Amino acid sequence: MDFSLTEDQILLVDSLKGFARKELLPRYAHWDRTGSFPAELWPRMGEMGLFGLRVPEALGGTGLGYLDAGLAIEQVARGDFNLCYGILNACFAGDILSRFAAPDLCADWLTPLAAGEKVLCVCLTEPHCGSDAAAIRTRAVRDGGDYVITGEKSAITLLMAGDAGIVFAKTDPDKGARGVSAFLVPLDAPGLTRTPYEDMGARGIVRGSLFLDGVRVPEAHRIGPENAGFTQVMATFDYTRALIGLMCLGAAEQTLEETVTYVTGREAFGQPITRNQGVSFPLAEARSRLEMLRWLCYRTLWLRDAGLPHTAEAAMCKAEGPAICADVIRDCLVLHGHYGYTRDFPVEQRLRDVLGQIIADGTPQIMKMIIARHMLGRDKV
């Protein structure tokens, strides 16, 4: 049992740690204050290979492993939590398209995605269903050599800046989950309408809703066999949930380090406040919880790289990771006193940003159901 990183992984972590500290962290608050998409950083991140982590080398990506992707997203989150959504989407798209889509479609979209020239979105959630993905109502009806798609998608990350979306739609409604297909839909296609959201956090990821009114896409834009979309998305969630755990971890780790620096410079009643167990114990508890979360996420991605089952482990990362990190950041906010509640420090923004990941990609309740089914059997839960 060896927990050490390879030389290449250590180099990856060190380079991204420097990038996050020098280039991302100073502007982290800017995108929140303006509510604008950080378009100027996209080519830079593409140049560094951050959008090509799960894109094959032949298509301009780095083709790195799943654990490598986790190491990368953890470090980027230390600088700017919200830029990790671009990495998440790119990993999701890179995996699904490279495994299931036609070669021409991959070349047209994965190469510019990896370079940071195109932004892809994942369009699964609908207004009436999030966790129950099999209950989607969006329809894709075959018409000659095309499909005509009609429906509504909601809670789409990066929608307002997106160039295309991976849209999941029912091609055989009578089959339930077995009747879902996936399509690559350019977001400038006729019949599309985008509506932006006003969110409490993660404002730079420009979320929104997508309306599809008879949108026509060629059959060549279908990703994989007809009615195979639900299997594709569920298999991909099995590792992106571990990535979410690590992006939350990176934000919490950075906040914890900043809080240690802050409290070690403060005094009350003539002595350092760190001598008060009300200050030092929460920091010790935070360090312990984050370390446990890190190794759960790393092991989940290692299992994925090894081709071993990891559905329950991924659900554990998602069920506990964002909540643990939100708790840590909240405690750090309290240790900053009233300053933590102001915009003078980034702790309040990180709390708002991380809270969103408690909901995204499956709520804690759904994750616990997945874990319980693996323990007790699907028919018992």
Protein backbone atom coordinates (compact mmCIF):
# COMPACT_ATOMS: atom_id res chain seq x y z
CA MET A 1 0.00 0.00 0.00
CA ASP A 2 1.72 3.15 -1.26
CA PHE A 3 0.21 6.60 -0.72
CA SER A 4 3.03 8.55 -2.37
CA LEU A 5 2.54 10.64 -5.49
CA THR A 6 4.64 10.11 -8.59
CA GLU A 7 7.24 12.68 -9.63
CA ASP A 8 4.92 13.87 -12.41
CA GLN A 9 2.05 14.29 -9.96
CA ILE A 10 4.23 16.26 -7.55
CA LEU A 11 5.28 18.52 -10.43
CA LEU A 12 1.63 18.97 -11.43
CA VAL A 13 0.62 19.94 -7.89
CA ASP A 14 3.53 22.35 -7.43
CA SER A 15 2.99 24.14 -10.74
CA LEU A 16 -0.74 24.55 -10.17
CA LYS A 17 -0.25 25.67 -6.58
CA GLY A 18 1.92 28.52 -7.83
CA PHE A 19 -0.53 29.37 -10.64
CA ALA A 20 -3.45 29.45 -8.20
CA ARG A 21 -1.64 31.65 -5.69
CA LYS A 22 -0.17 34.15 -8.16
CA GLU A 23 -2.71 34.37 -10.97
CA LEU A 24 -6.08 33.22 -9.63
CA LEU A 25 -6.35 34.17 -5.95
CA PRO A 26 -5.83 37.94 -6.43
CA ARG A 27 -8.87 38.13 -8.74
CA TYR A 28 -11.11 35.58 -7.03
CA ALA A 29 -13.47 38.26 -5.68
CA HIS A 30 -13.59 40.21 -8.95
CA TRP A 31 -15.86 37.78 -10.79
CA ASP A 32 -18.18 37.60 -7.77
CA ARG A 33 -18.47 41.38 -7.50
CA THR A 34 -19.10 41.85 -11.22
CA GLY A 35 -21.08 38.67 -11.86
CA SER A 36 -19.09 38.26 -15.06
CA PHE A 37 -17.64 35.17 -16.70
CA PRO A 38 -13.80 34.99 -16.50
CA ALA A 39 -13.37 34.58 -20.27
CA GLU A 40 -9.84 36.00 -20.25
CA LEU A 41 -8.62 33.09 -18.10
CA TRP A 42 -10.04 30.35 -20.32
CA PRO A 43 -7.21 30.32 -22.93
CA ARG A 44 -4.62 30.45 -20.14
CA MET A 45 -6.17 27.45 -18.41
CA GLY A 46 -6.37 25.67 -21.74
CA GLU A 47 -2.68 26.35 -22.32
CA MET A 48 -1.94 24.75 -18.96
CA GLY A 49 -3.89 21.63 -19.92
CA LEU A 50 -6.63 22.09 -17.33
CA PHE A 51 -9.47 21.54 -19.80
CA GLY A 52 -7.75 18.62 -21.46
CA LEU A 53 -7.22 16.44 -18.41
CA ARG A 54 -9.70 13.85 -19.69
CA VAL A 55 -9.29 14.58 -23.41
CA PRO A 56 -7.10 12.13 -25.38
CA GLU A 57 -3.68 13.40 -26.44
CA ALA A 58 -4.57 12.82 -30.09
CA LEU A 59 -7.27 15.48 -29.73
CA GLY A 60 -5.09 18.04 -27.97
CA GLY A 61 -5.63 16.94 -24.40
CA THR A 62 -3.25 15.58 -21.80
CA GLY A 63 -5.04 12.27 -21.32
CA LEU A 64 -4.13 12.15 -17.64
CA GLY A 65 -5.65 9.78 -15.11
CA TYR A 66 -8.58 10.40 -12.81
CA LEU A 67 -6.42 10.97 -9.73
CA ASP A 68 -4.36 13.49 -11.71
CA ALA A 69 -7.56 15.38 -12.50
CA GLY A 70 -8.41 15.40 -8.79
CA LEU A 71 -4.99 16.74 -7.82
CA ALA A 72 -5.36 19.50 -10.40
CA ILE A 73 -8.84 20.62 -9.39
CA GLU A 74 -7.87 20.70 -5.70
CA GLN A 75 -5.05 23.15 -6.38
CA VAL A 76 -7.05 25.41 -8.71
CA ALA A 77 -9.78 25.64 -6.06
CA ARG A 78 -7.28 27.16 -3.67
CA GLY A 79 -7.04 30.13 -6.01
CA ASP A 80 -10.52 30.37 -7.50
CA PHE A 81 -13.16 27.82 -6.55
CA ASN A 82 -15.48 28.77 -9.40
CA LEU A 83 -12.97 28.18 -12.18
CA CYS A 84 -13.13 24.52 -11.19
CA TYR A 85 -16.58 24.29 -12.76
CA GLY A 86 -14.91 24.67 -16.14
CA ILE A 87 -12.58 21.79 -15.30
CA LEU A 88 -15.50 19.67 -14.08
CA ASN A 89 -17.47 20.27 -17.28
CA ALA A 90 -14.44 19.59 -19.43
CA CYS A 91 -13.74 16.31 -17.63
CA PHE A 92 -17.36 15.27 -18.01
CA ALA A 93 -17.45 16.19 -21.71
CA GLY A 94 -14.01 14.75 -22.41
CA ASP A 95 -14.96 11.40 -20.95
CA ILE A 96 -18.38 11.06 -22.58
CA LEU A 97 -17.46 12.38 -26.02
CA SER A 98 -14.13 10.56 -26.35
CA ARG A 99 -15.72 7.24 -25.34
CA PHE A 100 -19.03 7.40 -27.18
CA ALA A 101 -19.21 10.16 -29.83
CA ALA A 102 -18.28 9.91 -33.50
CA PRO A 103 -14.63 10.83 -34.31
CA ASP A 104 -15.60 13.90 -36.33
CA LEU A 105 -17.73 15.25 -33.48
CA CYS A 106 -14.85 14.71 -31.04
CA ALA A 107 -12.41 16.52 -33.32
CA ASP A 108 -14.81 19.43 -33.83
CA TRP A 109 -15.44 19.98 -30.11
CA LEU A 110 -12.88 18.30 -27.85
CA THR A 111 -9.84 19.91 -29.46
CA PRO A 112 -11.09 23.50 -28.98
CA LEU A 113 -12.46 22.53 -25.55
CA ALA A 114 -9.01 21.40 -24.42
CA ALA A 115 -7.46 24.59 -25.77
CA GLY A 116 -9.89 26.79 -23.83
CA GLU A 117 -11.44 28.05 -27.05
CA LYS A 118 -14.88 26.52 -26.50
CA VAL A 119 -17.08 26.11 -23.41
CA LEU A 120 -19.29 23.03 -23.06
CA CYS A 121 -22.24 22.68 -20.69
CA VAL A 122 -24.04 19.66 -19.23
CA CYS A 123 -27.82 19.93 -19.67
CA LEU A 124 -29.49 17.26 -17.54
CA THR A 125 -31.55 18.85 -14.73
CA GLU A 126 -35.08 20.05 -15.46
CA PRO A 127 -37.41 22.29 -13.42
CA HIS A 128 -39.42 19.34 -12.08
CA CYS A 129 -36.53 16.91 -11.54
CA GLY A 130 -32.92 17.06 -10.47
CA SER A 131 -31.85 13.94 -8.64
CA ASP A 132 -34.47 11.85 -10.47
CA ALA A 133 -32.68 12.21 -13.79
CA ALA A 134 -34.63 9.35 -15.37
CA ALA A 135 -37.81 11.48 -15.07
CA ILE A 136 -36.73 14.10 -17.62
CA ARG A 137 -39.43 15.27 -20.04
CA THR A 138 -37.31 16.80 -22.79
CA ARG A 139 -38.04 14.86 -25.99
CA ALA A 140 -35.86 14.10 -29.00
CA VAL A 141 -37.90 12.84 -31.95
CA ARG A 142 -36.21 11.38 -35.02
CA ASP A 143 -37.05 13.17 -38.27
CA GLY A 144 -35.19 11.68 -41.22
CA GLY A 145 -31.48 12.14 -40.58
CA ASP A 146 -32.08 14.59 -37.71
CA TYR A 147 -33.51 14.71 -34.23
CA VAL A 148 -35.91 17.46 -33.17
CA ILE A 149 -35.51 18.36 -29.47
CA THR A 150 -38.15 20.12 -27.36
CA GLY A 151 -38.10 20.80 -23.63
CA GLU A 152 -36.53 22.83 -20.84
CA LYS A 153 -33.28 22.39 -18.92
CA SER A 154 -32.43 24.22 -15.70
CA ALA A 155 -29.50 24.88 -13.35
CA ILE A 156 -26.95 24.72 -16.17
CA THR A 157 -23.43 25.72 -15.17
CA LEU A 158 -21.64 28.08 -17.62
CA LEU A 159 -24.74 28.24 -19.81
CA MET A 160 -24.55 31.96 -20.55
CA ALA A 161 -20.96 31.57 -21.77
CA GLY A 162 -21.41 28.17 -23.40
CA ASP A 163 -20.81 27.25 -27.03
CA ALA A 164 -22.55 23.87 -26.89
CA GLY A 165 -24.43 21.68 -24.46
CA ILE A 166 -24.56 17.95 -23.87
CA VAL A 167 -28.34 17.62 -23.77
CA PHE A 168 -30.06 14.55 -22.35
CA ALA A 169 -33.50 13.83 -23.79
CA LYS A 170 -36.04 11.02 -23.96
CA THR A 171 -35.94 9.15 -27.26
CA ASP A 172 -38.20 6.37 -25.98
CA PRO A 173 -40.37 7.67 -23.11
CA ASP A 174 -41.94 4.27 -22.49
CA LYS A 175 -38.56 2.85 -21.40
CA GLY A 176 -37.93 5.27 -18.52
CA ALA A 177 -34.21 5.47 -17.70
CA ARG A 178 -33.49 3.11 -20.59
CA GLY A 179 -35.02 5.55 -23.06
CA VAL A 180 -32.64 8.52 -22.57
CA SER A 181 -30.15 9.63 -25.23
CA ALA A 182 -27.42 12.29 -25.24
CA PHE A 183 -26.83 14.91 -27.93
CA LEU A 184 -24.22 17.60 -28.59
CA VAL A 185 -26.28 20.73 -29.30
CA PRO A 186 -24.59 23.97 -30.45
CA LEU A 187 -26.04 26.79 -28.38
CA ASP A 188 -26.46 29.07 -31.39
CA ALA A 189 -28.95 26.66 -32.99
CA PRO A 190 -32.37 28.08 -33.97
CA GLY A 191 -35.06 27.46 -31.37
CA LEU A 192 -32.86 27.93 -28.27
CA THR A 193 -33.48 30.52 -25.55
CA ARG A 194 -31.15 31.10 -22.59
CA THR A 195 -32.25 32.76 -19.34
CA PRO A 196 -29.63 33.75 -16.70
CA TYR A 197 -29.92 33.10 -12.95
CA GLU A 198 -29.17 35.40 -10.03
CA ASP A 199 -27.39 33.14 -7.54
CA MET A 200 -26.20 33.85 -4.00
CA GLY A 201 -22.76 32.43 -4.80
CA ALA A 202 -20.65 31.12 -7.68
CA ARG A 203 -21.74 34.13 -9.72
CA GLY A 204 -18.93 33.85 -12.24
CA ILE A 205 -20.19 30.49 -13.54
CA VAL A 206 -23.16 32.30 -15.14
CA ARG A 207 -25.81 29.60 -14.62
CA GLY A 208 -29.15 29.63 -16.34
CA SER A 209 -32.07 27.79 -17.92
CA LEU A 210 -32.29 26.58 -21.51
CA PHE A 211 -35.51 26.35 -23.54
CA LEU A 212 -35.48 24.13 -26.62
CA ASP A 213 -38.32 24.71 -29.07
CA GLY A 214 -38.03 22.26 -31.95
CA VAL A 215 -34.23 22.40 -32.05
CA ARG A 216 -32.92 20.33 -34.93
CA VAL A 217 -29.59 18.46 -34.65
CA PRO A 218 -28.14 15.90 -37.06
CA GLU A 219 -28.00 12.24 -36.09
CA ALA A 220 -24.20 12.53 -36.09
CA HIS A 221 -24.53 14.72 -32.97
CA ARG A 222 -26.01 11.88 -30.95
CA ILE A 223 -23.44 10.72 -28.39
CA GLY A 224 -23.31 6.94 -28.42
CA PRO A 225 -26.17 4.55 -29.17
CA GLU A 226 -29.76 5.66 -28.91
CA ASN A 227 -31.24 5.21 -25.41
CA ALA A 228 -27.80 4.85 -23.75
CA GLY A 229 -27.54 8.36 -22.28
CA PHE A 230 -28.61 7.57 -18.73
CA THR A 231 -25.92 4.88 -18.34
CA GLN A 232 -23.31 7.29 -19.67
CA VAL A 233 -24.13 10.08 -17.24
CA MET A 234 -24.39 7.83 -14.19
CA ALA A 235 -21.00 6.26 -14.89
CA THR A 236 -19.44 9.71 -15.25
CA PHE A 237 -20.96 10.95 -11.98
CA ASP A 238 -19.09 8.11 -10.28
CA TYR A 239 -15.89 10.11 -10.45
CA THR A 240 -16.98 13.73 -10.88
CA ARG A 241 -18.45 13.48 -7.39
CA ALA A 242 -14.95 12.83 -6.07
CA LEU A 243 -13.70 15.84 -8.05
CA ILE A 244 -16.37 17.96 -6.36
CA GLY A 245 -15.15 16.74 -2.99
CA LEU A 246 -11.62 17.86 -3.88
CA MET A 247 -12.61 21.27 -5.23
CA CYS A 248 -14.47 21.95 -1.99
CA LEU A 249 -11.43 20.68 -0.09
CA GLY A 250 -9.12 23.08 -1.91
CA ALA A 251 -11.30 26.06 -1.00
CA ALA A 252 -11.53 24.94 2.64
CA GLU A 253 -7.79 24.30 2.88
CA GLN A 254 -6.98 27.77 1.58
CA THR A 255 -9.45 29.31 4.02
CA LEU A 256 -7.97 27.33 6.90
CA GLU A 257 -4.43 28.48 6.07
CA GLU A 258 -5.57 32.11 5.86
CA THR A 259 -7.36 31.74 9.19
CA VAL A 260 -4.27 30.30 10.89
CA THR A 261 -2.30 33.32 9.67
CA TYR A 262 -5.01 35.66 10.91
CA VAL A 263 -5.45 34.23 14.41
CA THR A 264 -1.71 33.87 15.10
CA GLY A 265 -1.44 37.62 14.74
CA ARG A 266 -4.28 38.45 17.11
CA GLU A 267 -4.24 39.02 20.88
CA ALA A 268 -6.98 39.34 23.48
CA PHE A 269 -6.68 40.00 27.19
CA GLY A 270 -2.93 40.31 26.86
CA GLN A 271 -2.17 36.95 25.21
CA PRO A 272 -2.40 35.30 21.79
CA ILE A 273 -5.94 34.15 21.08
CA THR A 274 -4.56 30.79 19.92
CA ARG A 275 -3.99 29.89 23.57
CA ASN A 276 -7.75 29.79 23.90
CA GLN A 277 -9.03 26.30 23.12
CA GLY A 278 -12.10 27.91 21.60
CA VAL A 279 -9.74 29.03 18.84
CA SER A 280 -7.19 26.21 18.61
CA PHE A 281 -9.61 23.27 18.85
CA PRO A 282 -11.79 24.25 15.86
CA LEU A 283 -8.61 24.60 13.80
CA ALA A 284 -7.41 21.15 14.88
CA GLU A 285 -10.79 19.63 14.11
CA ALA A 286 -10.83 21.28 10.70
CA ARG A 287 -7.37 19.97 9.84
CA SER A 288 -8.41 16.44 10.84
CA ARG A 289 -11.66 16.44 8.89
CA LEU A 290 -10.07 17.83 5.74
CA GLU A 291 -7.29 15.24 5.86
CA MET A 292 -9.81 12.42 6.12
CA LEU A 293 -11.80 13.84 3.21
CA ARG A 294 -8.69 14.16 1.05
CA TRP A 295 -7.80 10.49 1.29
CA LEU A 296 -11.35 9.33 0.69
CA CYS A 297 -11.43 11.35 -2.54
CA TYR A 298 -7.95 10.21 -3.60
CA ARG A 299 -8.84 6.58 -2.99
CA THR A 300 -12.08 6.91 -4.96
CA LEU A 301 -10.18 8.26 -7.97
CA TRP A 302 -7.50 5.58 -7.54
CA LEU A 303 -10.25 2.95 -7.70
CA ARG A 304 -11.51 4.56 -10.91
CA ASP A 305 -8.03 4.51 -12.42
CA ALA A 306 -7.69 0.85 -11.43
CA GLY A 307 -11.02 -0.05 -13.04
CA LEU A 308 -12.51 -1.11 -9.70
CA PRO A 309 -16.04 -0.40 -8.36
CA HIS A 310 -16.32 3.01 -6.70
CA THR A 311 -19.96 4.14 -6.90
CA ALA A 312 -20.50 4.07 -3.13
CA GLU A 313 -17.15 5.77 -2.44
CA ALA A 314 -17.97 8.54 -4.91
CA ALA A 315 -21.32 9.05 -3.19
CA MET A 316 -19.49 9.31 0.17
CA CYS A 317 -17.24 12.05 -1.27
CA LYS A 318 -20.28 14.01 -2.41
CA ALA A 319 -22.47 13.32 0.63
CA GLU A 320 -19.90 14.47 3.16
CA GLY A 321 -17.29 16.55 1.30
CA PRO A 322 -19.14 19.81 0.56
CA ALA A 323 -20.85 19.76 3.98
CA ILE A 324 -17.56 19.21 5.82
CA CYS A 325 -15.90 22.00 3.87
CA ALA A 326 -18.79 24.41 4.39
CA ASP A 327 -18.60 23.70 8.14
CA VAL A 328 -14.86 24.37 8.17
CA ILE A 329 -15.23 27.64 6.25
CA ARG A 330 -18.08 28.75 8.54
CA ASP A 331 -15.92 28.09 11.62
CA CYS A 332 -13.10 30.05 10.01
CA LEU A 333 -15.48 32.93 9.36
CA VAL A 334 -16.36 32.98 13.07
CA LEU A 335 -12.67 32.99 14.04
CA HIS A 336 -12.22 36.11 11.92
CA GLY A 337 -14.78 37.86 14.12
CA HIS A 338 -16.89 40.54 12.48
CA TYR A 339 -14.26 40.96 9.75
CA GLY A 340 -15.14 37.50 8.45
CA TYR A 341 -18.64 38.71 7.64
CA THR A 342 -17.29 41.55 5.50
CA ARG A 343 -15.85 41.51 2.01
CA ASP A 344 -12.46 42.45 3.40
CA PHE A 345 -11.63 38.74 3.52
CA PRO A 346 -12.54 36.03 0.98
CA VAL A 347 -13.97 33.70 3.62
CA GLU A 348 -17.57 34.90 3.21
CA GLN A 349 -17.44 34.38 -0.54
CA ARG A 350 -16.00 30.88 -0.20
CA LEU A 351 -18.82 29.96 2.17
CA ARG A 352 -21.42 31.14 -0.36
CA ASP A 353 -19.64 29.41 -3.22
CA VAL A 354 -19.10 26.04 -1.52
CA LEU A 355 -22.69 25.83 -0.25
CA GLY A 356 -23.89 25.38 -3.83
CA GLN A 357 -22.03 22.09 -4.14
CA ILE A 358 -24.08 20.56 -1.35
CA ILE A 359 -26.92 20.57 -3.89
CA ALA A 360 -25.16 20.08 -7.23
CA ASP A 361 -24.74 16.62 -8.82
CA GLY A 362 -27.02 15.01 -6.23
CA THR A 363 -28.12 16.14 -2.78
CA PRO A 364 -26.76 14.51 0.41
CA GLN A 365 -30.02 12.59 0.78
CA ILE A 366 -29.60 10.99 -2.66
CA MET A 367 -25.95 10.17 -1.96
CA LYS A 368 -26.90 8.45 1.30
CA MET A 369 -29.50 6.43 -0.57
CA ILE A 370 -26.80 5.24 -3.00
CA ILE A 371 -24.51 4.28 -0.13
CA ALA A 372 -27.30 2.48 1.72
CA ARG A 373 -28.24 0.51 -1.40
CA HIS A 374 -24.67 -0.75 -1.68
CA MET A 375 -24.76 -1.79 1.98
CA LEU A 376 -28.25 -3.29 2.19
CA GLY A 377 -29.24 -4.09 -1.38
CA ARG A 378 -31.25 -2.02 -3.83
CA ASP A 379 -34.50 -3.79 -2.98
CA LYS A 380 -34.12 -2.93 0.73
CA VAL A 381 -33.76 0.85 0.34
